[in-house]
């Protein structure tokens, strides 16, 4: 899988996860219980943010690709692979922080902090696995994979 294809795969998976997060969040955010409401609000927020991010990145990817004389040239694919790999490893570091921060909040005695914390930890864990998998695949596959 080349860098362009990998970016599309990342976008597809993230979109499905984001839509599921919005659905779970919407169902939970309306509950009276503070824990569930906080859990739902966090999932709604993360889902909405991920949808916006995917949309913006897809526009940027499409424009960048269309402006290149030969987007499938080996040198272009190698450069895109390097850039994507770096971005994914930066994301892995951030995702690890989300999981750790979420766990700290989850362990708090306040229902709202605990519910929000679990949602953050779950969102971060998904992103960590997702970004980590694709980062490792970028390392393995080179530019033309």
Protein backbone atom coordinates (compact mmCIF):
# COMPACT_ATOMS: atom_id res chain seq x y z
CA UNK A 1 0.00 0.00 0.00
CA UNK A 2 1.51 3.31 -0.98
CA UNK A 3 1.25 6.51 1.08
CA UNK A 4 -1.75 7.84 -0.83
CA UNK A 5 -3.65 4.57 -0.35
CA UNK A 6 -2.66 4.42 3.32
CA UNK A 7 -3.96 7.94 3.90
CA UNK A 8 -7.30 6.89 2.39
CA UNK A 9 -7.37 3.75 4.56
CA UNK A 10 -6.68 5.85 7.65
CA UNK A 11 -9.49 8.23 6.67
CA UNK A 12 -12.00 5.42 6.13
CA UNK A 13 -11.29 3.70 9.44
CA UNK A 14 -11.24 6.96 11.37
CA UNK A 15 -14.56 7.99 9.80
CA UNK A 16 -16.24 4.74 10.82
CA UNK A 17 -14.85 5.08 14.37
CA UNK A 18 -15.93 8.73 14.53
CA UNK A 19 -19.48 7.92 13.43
CA UNK A 20 -19.70 5.14 16.02
CA UNK A 21 -18.39 7.56 18.66
CA UNK A 22 -21.04 10.12 17.75
CA UNK A 23 -23.77 7.46 17.92
CA UNK A 24 -22.62 6.12 21.31
CA UNK A 25 -22.00 9.63 22.56
CA UNK A 26 -25.39 10.87 21.47
CA UNK A 27 -27.16 7.99 23.17
CA UNK A 28 -25.17 8.46 26.39
CA UNK A 29 -25.02 12.26 26.59
CA UNK A 30 -28.74 12.61 27.19
CA UNK A 31 -28.82 10.39 30.26
CA UNK A 32 -29.45 11.94 33.66
CA UNK A 33 -26.63 10.11 35.34
CA UNK A 34 -23.56 12.40 35.43
CA UNK A 35 -21.10 9.60 34.65
CA UNK A 36 -22.93 8.56 31.48
CA UNK A 37 -23.56 12.14 30.43
CA UNK A 38 -19.82 12.97 30.72
CA UNK A 39 -18.91 9.73 28.92
CA UNK A 40 -21.33 10.59 26.12
CA UNK A 41 -20.25 14.20 25.78
CA UNK A 42 -16.61 13.18 25.45
CA UNK A 43 -17.45 10.60 22.78
CA UNK A 44 -19.57 13.13 20.90
CA UNK A 45 -16.76 15.67 21.00
CA UNK A 46 -14.07 13.23 19.91
CA UNK A 47 -16.27 11.85 17.14
CA UNK A 48 -17.10 15.30 15.81
CA UNK A 49 -13.45 16.42 16.02
CA UNK A 50 -12.28 13.30 14.18
CA UNK A 51 -14.82 13.87 11.40
CA UNK A 52 -13.60 17.45 10.96
CA UNK A 53 -9.96 16.35 10.97
CA UNK A 54 -10.60 13.62 8.40
CA UNK A 55 -12.48 16.08 6.18
CA UNK A 56 -9.73 18.69 6.31
CA UNK A 57 -6.97 16.14 5.74
CA UNK A 58 -8.82 14.61 2.79
CA UNK A 59 -9.13 18.03 1.14
CA UNK A 60 -5.43 18.74 1.77
CA UNK A 61 -4.40 15.29 0.45
CA UNK A 62 -6.53 15.63 -2.66
CA UNK A 63 -5.20 19.12 -3.45
CA UNK A 64 -1.58 18.12 -2.85
CA UNK A 65 -1.93 15.07 -5.03
CA UNK A 66 -3.67 16.94 -7.87
CA UNK A 67 -0.95 19.63 -7.96
CA UNK A 68 1.85 17.14 -8.49
CA UNK A 69 2.89 16.41 -12.07
CA UNK A 70 3.26 12.71 -11.23
CA UNK A 71 1.92 11.84 -7.75
CA UNK A 72 2.88 8.19 -8.23
CA UNK A 73 6.52 8.84 -9.07
CA UNK A 74 8.82 6.80 -6.80
CA UNK A 75 10.46 9.91 -5.33
CA UNK A 76 7.07 11.44 -4.53
CA UNK A 77 5.81 8.21 -2.96
CA UNK A 78 8.96 7.94 -0.85
CA UNK A 79 8.60 11.52 0.37
CA UNK A 80 4.89 11.02 1.17
CA UNK A 81 5.70 7.79 3.00
CA UNK A 82 8.32 9.55 5.14
CA UNK A 83 5.97 12.42 5.96
CA UNK A 84 3.11 10.08 6.81
CA UNK A 85 5.34 7.86 8.95
CA UNK A 86 6.58 10.91 10.93
CA UNK A 87 3.05 12.21 11.43
CA UNK A 88 1.85 8.81 12.60
CA UNK A 89 4.66 8.45 15.15
CA UNK A 90 3.88 11.93 16.50
CA UNK A 91 0.24 10.83 16.76
CA UNK A 92 1.28 7.66 18.61
CA UNK A 93 3.01 9.81 21.25
CA UNK A 94 -0.06 12.04 21.59
CA UNK A 95 -2.39 9.02 21.70
CA UNK A 96 -0.34 7.56 24.55
CA UNK A 97 -0.84 10.82 26.43
CA UNK A 98 -4.60 10.66 25.82
CA UNK A 99 -4.77 7.13 27.23
CA UNK A 100 -2.72 8.02 30.31
CA UNK A 101 -4.64 11.24 30.95
CA UNK A 102 -7.93 9.43 30.46
CA UNK A 103 -6.97 6.73 32.95
CA UNK A 104 -6.01 9.36 35.54
CA UNK A 105 -9.42 11.03 35.12
CA UNK A 106 -11.22 7.68 35.09
CA UNK A 107 -9.81 6.94 38.54
CA UNK A 108 -11.19 10.17 40.02
CA UNK A 109 -14.02 9.91 42.54
CA UNK A 110 -16.24 12.46 40.74
CA UNK A 111 -18.67 10.81 38.34
CA UNK A 112 -18.19 13.42 35.62
CA UNK A 113 -14.39 13.15 35.69
CA UNK A 114 -14.55 9.36 35.77
CA UNK A 115 -17.02 9.08 32.87
CA UNK A 116 -15.10 11.59 30.77
CA UNK A 117 -11.84 9.85 31.64
CA UNK A 118 -12.99 6.45 30.44
CA UNK A 119 -14.19 7.97 27.17
CA UNK A 120 -10.84 9.72 26.67
CA UNK A 121 -8.94 6.50 27.45
CA UNK A 122 -11.08 4.50 24.99
CA UNK A 123 -10.70 7.11 22.24
CA UNK A 124 -6.96 7.35 22.86
CA UNK A 125 -6.59 3.55 22.86
CA UNK A 126 -8.32 3.26 19.50
CA UNK A 127 -6.15 6.00 18.02
CA UNK A 128 -3.01 4.47 19.54
CA UNK A 129 -3.73 1.08 17.99
CA UNK A 130 -4.85 2.60 14.69
CA UNK A 131 -1.96 5.03 14.27
CA UNK A 132 0.56 2.54 15.68
CA UNK A 133 -0.49 -0.16 13.23
CA UNK A 134 -0.21 2.16 10.25
CA UNK A 135 3.11 3.61 11.47
CA UNK A 136 4.56 0.10 11.74
CA UNK A 137 3.20 -0.77 8.30
CA UNK A 138 4.84 2.37 6.89
CA UNK A 139 8.12 1.20 8.41
CA UNK A 140 7.71 -2.26 6.86
CA UNK A 141 6.35 -1.42 3.45
CA UNK A 142 8.62 1.35 2.20
CA UNK A 143 7.15 3.62 -0.47
CA UNK A 144 5.49 1.12 -2.74
CA UNK A 145 4.41 -1.57 -0.23
